[in-house]
Amino acid sequence: MKKRKGAEQVRDYMSSSLVTVGADDSLQTAIDLLRRYNVRELPVVEHGKLVGIVTDRDLRLVAPSYPLFRDQEEIRHHLSNLKVASAMTPDPFFVSPDTTLLEAAGILRDRRIGSLPVLEGQRLVGIISVTDILGAFIDQNAG
């Protein structure tokens, strides 16, 4: 039986293979994780609880540039001394796995953000992004 359009839930399309970072990790660590896993946002977790989110855009805004530093190695060294806490958005918006895709899409649009952590109670179980919701839209409307 096909679900009624708009009734699909976040749990059906969220990414549950999470890459996370700690607030005390360096910005260089966060940049390396974003590149290695080809993601644009990292939930920030401390003692098993979501405390923030850091995005590639957040990191670009705080990252030093060449006019301030002589070379890439000097920039990497500087980023190794800065903490994720200095760039993250604390207490991010989140949804539950039972949230409808339509509601999640509305939050993403209204807040002009790229993803939402998915919490089951206090536990981080996934992340849903604009890309995931576009994939759902394509799946629902293909063929």
C-alpha atoms as a PDB file:
ATOM      1  CA  MET A   1       0.000   0.000   0.000  1.00  0.00           C
ATOM      2  CA  LYS A   2       1.415   3.336  -1.049  1.00  0.00           C
ATOM      3  CA  LYS A   3       1.569   6.054   1.576  1.00  0.00           C
ATOM      4  CA  ARG A   4      -0.439   9.194   1.086  1.00  0.00           C
ATOM      5  CA  LYS A   5       1.679  11.920  -0.535  1.00  0.00           C
ATOM      6  CA  GLY A   6       3.212  14.114   2.157  1.00  0.00           C
ATOM      7  CA  ALA A   7       2.922  11.404   4.832  1.00  0.00           C
ATOM      8  CA  GLU A   8       6.434  10.046   4.346  1.00  0.00           C
ATOM      9  CA  GLN A   9       8.536  10.336   7.451  1.00  0.00           C
ATOM     10  CA  VAL A  10      12.049  11.559   8.090  1.00  0.00           C
ATOM     11  CA  ARG A  11      13.042   8.019   9.185  1.00  0.00           C
ATOM     12  CA  ASP A  12      12.494   6.813   5.606  1.00  0.00           C
ATOM     13  CA  TYR A  13      15.041   9.207   4.055  1.00  0.00           C
ATOM     14  CA  MET A  14      17.441  10.350   6.797  1.00  0.00           C
ATOM     15  CA  SER A  15      21.107   9.419   6.762  1.00  0.00           C
ATOM     16  CA  SER A  16      21.850   7.226   9.757  1.00  0.00           C
ATOM     17  CA  SER A  17      25.569   6.791   9.031  1.00  0.00           C
ATOM     18  CA  LEU A  18      26.666   9.742  11.096  1.00  0.00           C
ATOM     19  CA  VAL A  19      29.945  11.558  11.163  1.00  0.00           C
ATOM     20  CA  THR A  20      30.151  13.714  14.289  1.00  0.00           C
ATOM     21  CA  VAL A  21      32.644  16.024  15.911  1.00  0.00           C
ATOM     22  CA  GLY A  22      33.172  17.291  19.464  1.00  0.00           C
ATOM     23  CA  ALA A  23      33.039  20.928  20.542  1.00  0.00           C
ATOM     24  CA  ASP A  24      36.678  20.732  21.682  1.00  0.00           C
ATOM     25  CA  ASP A  25      37.918  19.218  18.417  1.00  0.00           C
ATOM     26  CA  SER A  26      39.930  21.517  16.192  1.00  0.00           C
ATOM     27  CA  LEU A  27      38.481  23.281  13.187  1.00  0.00           C
ATOM     28  CA  GLN A  28      41.084  21.454  11.107  1.00  0.00           C
ATOM     29  CA  THR A  29      39.642  18.131  12.304  1.00  0.00           C
ATOM     30  CA  ALA A  30      36.153  19.278  11.263  1.00  0.00           C
ATOM     31  CA  ILE A  31      37.399  20.393   7.833  1.00  0.00           C
ATOM     32  CA  ASP A  32      39.192  17.074   7.342  1.00  0.00           C
ATOM     33  CA  LEU A  33      36.023  15.122   8.253  1.00  0.00           C
ATOM     34  CA  LEU A  34      33.850  17.182   5.891  1.00  0.00           C
ATOM     35  CA  ARG A  35      36.248  16.470   3.042  1.00  0.00           C
ATOM     36  CA  ARG A  36      36.846  12.796   3.851  1.00  0.00           C
ATOM     37  CA  TYR A  37      33.150  11.929   4.095  1.00  0.00           C
ATOM     38  CA  ASN A  38      31.939  14.425   1.472  1.00  0.00           C
ATOM     39  CA  VAL A  39      29.349  15.999   3.787  1.00  0.00           C
ATOM     40  CA  ARG A  40      28.441  19.627   4.384  1.00  0.00           C
ATOM     41  CA  GLU A  41      27.509  19.515   8.047  1.00  0.00           C
ATOM     42  CA  LEU A  42      28.636  17.773  11.211  1.00  0.00           C
ATOM     43  CA  PRO A  43      26.529  17.325  14.337  1.00  0.00           C
ATOM     44  CA  VAL A  44      28.515  18.355  17.410  1.00  0.00           C
ATOM     45  CA  VAL A  45      28.132  15.807  20.195  1.00  0.00           C
ATOM     46  CA  GLU A  46      29.348  15.942  23.797  1.00  0.00           C
ATOM     47  CA  HIS A  47      28.821  13.054  26.235  1.00  0.00           C
ATOM     48  CA  GLY A  48      26.337  11.480  23.824  1.00  0.00           C
ATOM     49  CA  LYS A  49      24.171  14.594  23.513  1.00  0.00           C
ATOM     50  CA  LEU A  50      23.737  16.938  20.564  1.00  0.00           C
ATOM     51  CA  VAL A  51      25.122  20.360  21.506  1.00  0.00           C
ATOM     52  CA  GLY A  52      25.450  21.997  18.101  1.00  0.00           C
ATOM     53  CA  ILE A  53      26.047  21.691  14.392  1.00  0.00           C
ATOM     54  CA  VAL A  54      28.925  22.991  12.299  1.00  0.00           C
ATOM     55  CA  THR A  55      28.679  23.415   8.548  1.00  0.00           C
ATOM     56  CA  ASP A  56      31.146  23.919   5.758  1.00  0.00           C
ATOM     57  CA  ARG A  57      29.836  27.489   5.517  1.00  0.00           C
ATOM     58  CA  ASP A  58      30.458  28.107   9.238  1.00  0.00           C
ATOM     59  CA  LEU A  59      34.030  26.951   8.785  1.00  0.00           C
ATOM     60  CA  ARG A  60      34.602  29.131   5.714  1.00  0.00           C
ATOM     61  CA  LEU A  61      33.396  32.163   7.674  1.00  0.00           C
ATOM     62  CA  VAL A  62      35.929  31.680  10.492  1.00  0.00           C
ATOM     63  CA  ALA A  63      38.818  30.197   8.510  1.00  0.00           C
ATOM     64  CA  PRO A  64      41.771  32.500   7.952  1.00  0.00           C
ATOM     65  CA  SER A  65      42.806  33.430   4.442  1.00  0.00           C
ATOM     66  CA  TYR A  66      46.086  33.824   2.606  1.00  0.00           C
ATOM     67  CA  PRO A  67      46.553  37.573   3.170  1.00  0.00           C
ATOM     68  CA  LEU A  68      46.820  36.863   6.906  1.00  0.00           C
ATOM     69  CA  PHE A  69      49.074  33.815   6.603  1.00  0.00           C
ATOM     70  CA  ARG A  70      52.028  32.982   4.383  1.00  0.00           C
ATOM     71  CA  ASP A  71      50.990  29.539   3.192  1.00  0.00           C
ATOM     72  CA  GLN A  72      48.568  26.620   3.517  1.00  0.00           C
ATOM     73  CA  GLU A  73      50.641  24.972   6.269  1.00  0.00           C
ATOM     74  CA  GLU A  74      50.440  28.092   8.430  1.00  0.00           C
ATOM     75  CA  ILE A  75      46.662  28.165   7.917  1.00  0.00           C
ATOM     76  CA  ARG A  76      46.407  24.471   8.906  1.00  0.00           C
ATOM     77  CA  HIS A  77      48.437  25.162  12.042  1.00  0.00           C
ATOM     78  CA  HIS A  78      46.167  28.067  12.978  1.00  0.00           C
ATOM     79  CA  LEU A  79      43.020  25.976  12.367  1.00  0.00           C
ATOM     80  CA  SER A  80      44.443  23.237  14.571  1.00  0.00           C
ATOM     81  CA  ASN A  81      44.426  25.705  17.465  1.00  0.00           C
ATOM     82  CA  LEU A  82      40.815  26.851  16.997  1.00  0.00           C
ATOM     83  CA  LYS A  83      37.961  24.776  18.447  1.00  0.00           C
ATOM     84  CA  VAL A  84      34.718  23.673  16.781  1.00  0.00           C
ATOM     85  CA  ALA A  85      32.839  25.477  19.569  1.00  0.00           C
ATOM     86  CA  SER A  86      33.998  28.788  18.070  1.00  0.00           C
ATOM     87  CA  ALA A  87      32.250  28.094  14.747  1.00  0.00           C
ATOM     88  CA  MET A  88      29.275  25.843  15.581  1.00  0.00           C
ATOM     89  CA  THR A  89      25.635  26.811  15.902  1.00  0.00           C
ATOM     90  CA  PRO A  90      24.660  25.781  19.439  1.00  0.00           C
ATOM     91  CA  ASP A  91      21.315  24.085  20.179  1.00  0.00           C
ATOM     92  CA  PRO A  92      20.336  23.544  16.534  1.00  0.00           C
ATOM     93  CA  PHE A  93      16.824  22.903  15.325  1.00  0.00           C
ATOM     94  CA  PHE A  94      16.101  19.181  15.129  1.00  0.00           C
ATOM     95  CA  VAL A  95      13.321  16.777  14.227  1.00  0.00           C
ATOM     96  CA  SER A  96      12.277  13.289  15.283  1.00  0.00           C
ATOM     97  CA  PRO A  97      12.219  10.241  13.001  1.00  0.00           C
ATOM     98  CA  ASP A  98       8.400  10.489  12.991  1.00  0.00           C
ATOM     99  CA  THR A  99       8.384  14.039  11.597  1.00  0.00           C
ATOM    100  CA  THR A 100       6.859  14.145   8.130  1.00  0.00           C
ATOM    101  CA  LEU A 101       9.110  15.038   5.211  1.00  0.00           C
ATOM    102  CA  LEU A 102       6.797  17.942   4.446  1.00  0.00           C
ATOM    103  CA  GLU A 103       7.262  19.385   7.938  1.00  0.00           C
ATOM    104  CA  ALA A 104      11.053  18.884   7.803  1.00  0.00           C
ATOM    105  CA  ALA A 105      11.178  20.526   4.370  1.00  0.00           C
ATOM    106  CA  GLY A 106       9.226  23.488   5.736  1.00  0.00           C
ATOM    107  CA  ILE A 107      11.677  23.932   8.618  1.00  0.00           C
ATOM    108  CA  LEU A 108      14.656  23.745   6.251  1.00  0.00           C
ATOM    109  CA  ARG A 109      13.082  26.317   3.946  1.00  0.00           C
ATOM    110  CA  ASP A 110      11.844  28.688   6.653  1.00  0.00           C
ATOM    111  CA  ARG A 111      15.113  28.604   8.611  1.00  0.00           C
ATOM    112  CA  ARG A 112      17.221  28.646   5.428  1.00  0.00           C
ATOM    113  CA  ILE A 113      19.380  25.786   6.656  1.00  0.00           C
ATOM    114  CA  GLY A 114      20.774  22.743   4.873  1.00  0.00           C
ATOM    115  CA  SER A 115      20.070  19.958   7.349  1.00  0.00           C
ATOM    116  CA  LEU A 116      18.377  18.919  10.560  1.00  0.00           C
ATOM    117  CA  PRO A 117      19.719  16.500  13.147  1.00  0.00           C
ATOM    118  CA  VAL A 118      17.257  13.711  13.913  1.00  0.00           C
ATOM    119  CA  LEU A 119      16.794  12.917  17.606  1.00  0.00           C
ATOM    120  CA  GLU A 120      14.951  10.027  19.197  1.00  0.00           C
ATOM    121  CA  GLY A 121      14.491  11.303  22.721  1.00  0.00           C
ATOM    122  CA  GLN A 122      17.941  12.699  23.566  1.00  0.00           C
ATOM    123  CA  ARG A 123      19.805  10.326  21.216  1.00  0.00           C
ATOM    124  CA  LEU A 124      21.110  11.458  17.814  1.00  0.00           C
ATOM    125  CA  VAL A 125      19.948   8.836  15.299  1.00  0.00           C
ATOM    126  CA  GLY A 126      20.391  10.589  11.969  1.00  0.00           C
ATOM    127  CA  ILE A 127      20.456  13.725   9.894  1.00  0.00           C
ATOM    128  CA  ILE A 128      18.107  14.826   7.119  1.00  0.00           C
ATOM    129  CA  SER A 129      19.320  17.279   4.508  1.00  0.00           C
ATOM    130  CA  VAL A 130      17.872  19.250   1.646  1.00  0.00           C
ATOM    131  CA  THR A 131      19.545  16.700  -0.642  1.00  0.00           C
ATOM    132  CA  ASP A 132      17.758  13.825   1.129  1.00  0.00           C
ATOM    133  CA  ILE A 133      14.403  15.583   0.724  1.00  0.00           C
ATOM    134  CA  LEU A 134      15.088  16.308  -2.940  1.00  0.00           C
ATOM    135  CA  GLY A 135      15.842  12.595  -3.361  1.00  0.00           C
ATOM    136  CA  ALA A 136      12.494  11.751  -1.760  1.00  0.00           C
ATOM    137  CA  PHE A 137      10.736  14.198  -4.088  1.00  0.00           C
ATOM    138  CA  ILE A 138      12.378  12.611  -7.111  1.00  0.00           C
ATOM    139  CA  ASP A 139      11.516   9.087  -5.893  1.00  0.00           C
ATOM    140  CA  GLN A 140       7.881  10.087  -5.349  1.00  0.00           C
ATOM    141  CA  ASN A 141       7.496  11.731  -8.730  1.00  0.00           C
ATOM    142  CA  ALA A 142       9.576   9.523 -11.020  1.00  0.00           C
ATOM    143  CA  GLY A 143       8.044   7.351 -13.662  1.00  0.00           C
END
